[in-house]
C-alpha atoms as a PDB file:
ATOM      1  CA  MET A   1     134.674 140.071  42.348  1.00  0.00           C
ATOM      2  CA  SER A   2     134.519 143.864  42.610  1.00  0.00           C
ATOM      3  CA  GLY A   3     135.820 143.732  46.199  1.00  0.00           C
ATOM      4  CA  PHE A   4     138.779 141.616  45.069  1.00  0.00           C
ATOM      5  CA  LEU A   5     139.684 144.126  42.341  1.00  0.00           C
ATOM      6  CA  LEU A   6     139.261 147.047  44.717  1.00  0.00           C
ATOM      7  CA  ARG A   7     141.624 145.401  47.242  1.00  0.00           C
ATOM      8  CA  ILE A   8     144.211 144.848  44.482  1.00  0.00           C
ATOM      9  CA  ILE A   9     144.044 148.492  43.406  1.00  0.00           C
ATOM     10  CA  ILE A  10     144.293 149.810  46.970  1.00  0.00           C
ATOM     11  CA  ASN A  11     147.159 147.420  47.787  1.00  0.00           C
ATOM     12  CA  ALA A  12     148.974 148.660  44.676  1.00  0.00           C
ATOM     13  CA  THR A  13     148.491 152.270  45.768  1.00  0.00           C
ATOM     14  CA  ILE A  14     149.758 151.499  49.264  1.00  0.00           C
ATOM     15  CA  LEU A  15     152.837 149.755  47.869  1.00  0.00           C
ATOM     16  CA  CYS A  16     153.603 152.765  45.670  1.00  0.00           C
ATOM     17  CA  ALA A  17     153.439 154.992  48.750  1.00  0.00           C
ATOM     18  CA  VAL A  18     155.657 152.604  50.745  1.00  0.00           C
ATOM     19  CA  VAL A  19     158.287 152.510  47.989  1.00  0.00           C
ATOM     20  CA  VAL A  20     158.319 156.294  47.694  1.00  0.00           C
ATOM     21  CA  LYS A  21     158.415 157.037  51.435  1.00  0.00           C
ATOM     22  CA  LEU A  22     160.695 154.321  52.870  1.00  0.00           C
ATOM     23  CA  PRO A  23     164.435 154.673  52.409  1.00  0.00           C
ATOM     24  CA  GLY A  24     166.163 151.424  51.509  1.00  0.00           C
ATOM     25  CA  ILE A  25     163.677 150.274  48.867  1.00  0.00           C
ATOM     26  CA  PHE A  26     164.371 151.499  45.338  1.00  0.00           C
ATOM     27  CA  VAL A  27     162.550 150.914  42.084  1.00  0.00           C
ATOM     28  CA  ASP A  28     164.045 151.871  38.737  1.00  0.00           C
ATOM     29  CA  THR A  29     160.927 153.120  36.969  1.00  0.00           C
ATOM     30  CA  LEU A  30     157.356 154.106  37.694  1.00  0.00           C
ATOM     31  CA  GLY A  31     156.194 151.284  35.434  1.00  0.00           C
ATOM     32  CA  GLY A  32     158.189 148.818  37.527  1.00  0.00           C
ATOM     33  CA  THR A  33     156.596 150.214  40.663  1.00  0.00           C
ATOM     34  CA  LEU A  34     153.108 149.853  39.230  1.00  0.00           C
ATOM     35  CA  LEU A  35     153.814 146.331  37.944  1.00  0.00           C
ATOM     36  CA  GLY A  36     155.285 145.296  41.281  1.00  0.00           C
ATOM     37  CA  ALA A  37     152.438 146.875  43.180  1.00  0.00           C
ATOM     38  CA  THR A  38     149.901 145.054  41.037  1.00  0.00           C
ATOM     39  CA  ILE A  39     151.632 141.700  41.454  1.00  0.00           C
ATOM     40  CA  ILE A  40     152.074 142.175  45.209  1.00  0.00           C
ATOM     41  CA  GLY A  41     148.443 143.259  45.436  1.00  0.00           C
ATOM     42  CA  LEU A  42     147.441 140.044  43.661  1.00  0.00           C
ATOM     43  CA  ALA A  43     149.691 138.003  45.937  1.00  0.00           C
ATOM     44  CA  ASN A  44     148.242 139.645  49.056  1.00  0.00           C
ATOM     45  CA  ALA A  45     144.688 139.224  47.821  1.00  0.00           C
ATOM     46  CA  ALA A  46     144.948 135.668  46.432  1.00  0.00           C
ATOM     47  CA  ILE A  47     148.066 133.763  47.486  1.00  0.00           C
ATOM     48  CA  ARG A  48     148.361 134.893  51.108  1.00  0.00           C
ATOM     49  CA  PRO A  49     144.857 133.647  52.075  1.00  0.00           C
ATOM     50  CA  LEU A  50     145.682 130.263  50.546  1.00  0.00           C
ATOM     51  CA  LEU A  51     148.906 130.069  52.543  1.00  0.00           C
ATOM     52  CA  ALA A  52     147.015 131.159  55.649  1.00  0.00           C
ATOM     53  CA  PHE A  53     144.559 128.306  55.091  1.00  0.00           C
ATOM     54  CA  VAL A  54     147.423 125.815  54.794  1.00  0.00           C
ATOM     55  CA  ASP A  55     149.194 127.013  57.943  1.00  0.00           C
ATOM     56  CA  MET A  56     145.966 127.225  59.990  1.00  0.00           C
ATOM     57  CA  PRO A  57     146.454 123.842  61.742  1.00  0.00           C
ATOM     58  CA  PHE A  58     149.953 124.888  62.859  1.00  0.00           C
ATOM     59  CA  ASN A  59     148.971 128.305  64.264  1.00  0.00           C
ATOM     60  CA  PRO A  60     148.199 127.082  67.794  1.00  0.00           C
ATOM     61  CA  VAL A  61     151.577 125.357  67.971  1.00  0.00           C
ATOM     62  CA  THR A  62     153.560 128.313  66.631  1.00  0.00           C
ATOM     63  CA  VAL A  63     151.393 130.926  68.400  1.00  0.00           C
ATOM     64  CA  GLY A  64     150.802 132.779  65.146  1.00  0.00           C
ATOM     65  CA  GLY A  65     154.478 132.842  64.159  1.00  0.00           C
ATOM     66  CA  LEU A  66     153.810 130.925  60.966  1.00  0.00           C
ATOM     67  CA  THR A  67     151.178 133.467  59.909  1.00  0.00           C
ATOM     68  CA  PHE A  68     153.625 136.300  60.566  1.00  0.00           C
ATOM     69  CA  PHE A  69     156.250 134.477  58.497  1.00  0.00           C
ATOM     70  CA  THR A  70     153.730 133.913  55.695  1.00  0.00           C
ATOM     71  CA  ASN A  71     152.845 137.610  55.703  1.00  0.00           C
ATOM     72  CA  LEU A  72     156.542 138.490  55.438  1.00  0.00           C
ATOM     73  CA  ILE A  73     157.557 135.938  52.839  1.00  0.00           C
ATOM     74  CA  THR A  74     154.758 136.491  50.297  1.00  0.00           C
ATOM     75  CA  PRO A  75     155.725 140.045  49.268  1.00  0.00           C
ATOM     76  CA  LEU A  76     159.450 139.242  49.505  1.00  0.00           C
ATOM     77  CA  MET A  77     159.057 136.397  47.001  1.00  0.00           C
ATOM     78  CA  VAL A  78     157.363 138.749  44.576  1.00  0.00           C
ATOM     79  CA  VAL A  79     159.879 141.584  45.046  1.00  0.00           C
ATOM     80  CA  LYS A  80     162.836 139.246  44.542  1.00  0.00           C
ATOM     81  CA  ALA A  81     161.322 137.949  41.294  1.00  0.00           C
ATOM     82  CA  LEU A  82     160.686 141.393  39.791  1.00  0.00           C
ATOM     83  CA  PRO A  83     163.436 143.202  37.881  1.00  0.00           C
ATOM     84  CA  GLY A  84     164.185 146.775  38.904  1.00  0.00           C
ATOM     85  CA  PHE A  85     163.487 146.380  42.627  1.00  0.00           C
ATOM     86  CA  GLN A  86     166.494 146.946  44.877  1.00  0.00           C
ATOM     87  CA  ILE A  87     166.527 146.516  48.623  1.00  0.00           C
ATOM     88  CA  SER A  88     169.543 148.086  50.340  1.00  0.00           C
ATOM     89  CA  SER A  89     168.740 147.571  54.016  1.00  0.00           C
ATOM     90  CA  SER A  90     167.088 144.867  56.056  1.00  0.00           C
ATOM     91  CA  ILE A  91     164.880 147.117  58.174  1.00  0.00           C
ATOM     92  CA  ALA A  92     163.065 148.968  55.364  1.00  0.00           C
ATOM     93  CA  PRO A  93     161.511 145.850  53.788  1.00  0.00           C
ATOM     94  CA  MET A  94     160.396 144.615  57.202  1.00  0.00           C
ATOM     95  CA  ILE A  95     158.680 147.935  57.949  1.00  0.00           C
ATOM     96  CA  GLY A  96     157.199 148.058  54.446  1.00  0.00           C
ATOM     97  CA  ILE A  97     155.920 144.510  54.662  1.00  0.00           C
ATOM     98  CA  LEU A  98     154.453 145.128  58.100  1.00  0.00           C
ATOM     99  CA  LEU A  99     152.658 148.214  56.774  1.00  0.00           C
ATOM    100  CA  MET A 100     151.434 146.239  53.767  1.00  0.00           C
ATOM    101  CA  THR A 101     150.282 143.406  56.041  1.00  0.00           C
ATOM    102  CA  VAL A 102     148.300 145.708  58.315  1.00  0.00           C
ATOM    103  CA  CYS A 103     146.743 147.520  55.357  1.00  0.00           C
ATOM    104  CA  SER A 104     145.940 144.282  53.515  1.00  0.00           C
ATOM    105  CA  TYR A 105     144.387 142.748  56.637  1.00  0.00           C
ATOM    106  CA  THR A 106     142.296 145.869  57.193  1.00  0.00           C
ATOM    107  CA  LEU A 107     141.179 145.901  53.563  1.00  0.00           C
ATOM    108  CA  THR A 108     140.217 142.240  53.743  1.00  0.00           C
ATOM    109  CA  LYS A 109     138.077 142.886  56.829  1.00  0.00           C
ATOM    110  CA  VAL A 110     136.480 146.075  55.486  1.00  0.00           C
ATOM    111  CA  ILE A 111     135.937 145.260  51.800  1.00  0.00           C
ATOM    112  CA  HIS A 112     133.955 142.096  51.179  1.00  0.00           C
ATOM    113  CA  ASP A 113     133.307 140.328  47.887  1.00  0.00           C
ATOM    114  CA  ARG A 114     129.748 140.485  46.694  1.00  0.00           C
END
C-alpha cells in the first residue's frame, strides 16, 4: 500500500511540473493543479492497469496501439472532467501525456507494493 501512495504522490508532482513547464496547458489555481494531479495520479496508478489488463488480449493484434491509446485517454478523461483545466493546443497534451506515461511506467517498475 505504501508503494501505491508513493506512486500517487510522485505522479502528482510530475503532473505539476508538466503543467508549469509545457505551454498550452493552463490551470486556474494551484489547488486545481494539486487536485488534478492527485486524481490523475490515482487514475495512472489504479485505472490504467485495469484498462491494460482488459486490452491485453488485443495487444498482439494492434501491436501495442491499444495500450498507447489507453495511456493517452486515461489522463485526458480526467483533465476534461476537472474544472479549471484549459488545453489550448493539441501538441502540448500529447507531450505531457507521453511524459506522464513514461514516468508512470518507470515508477510502476521501480516502486513495488509491499
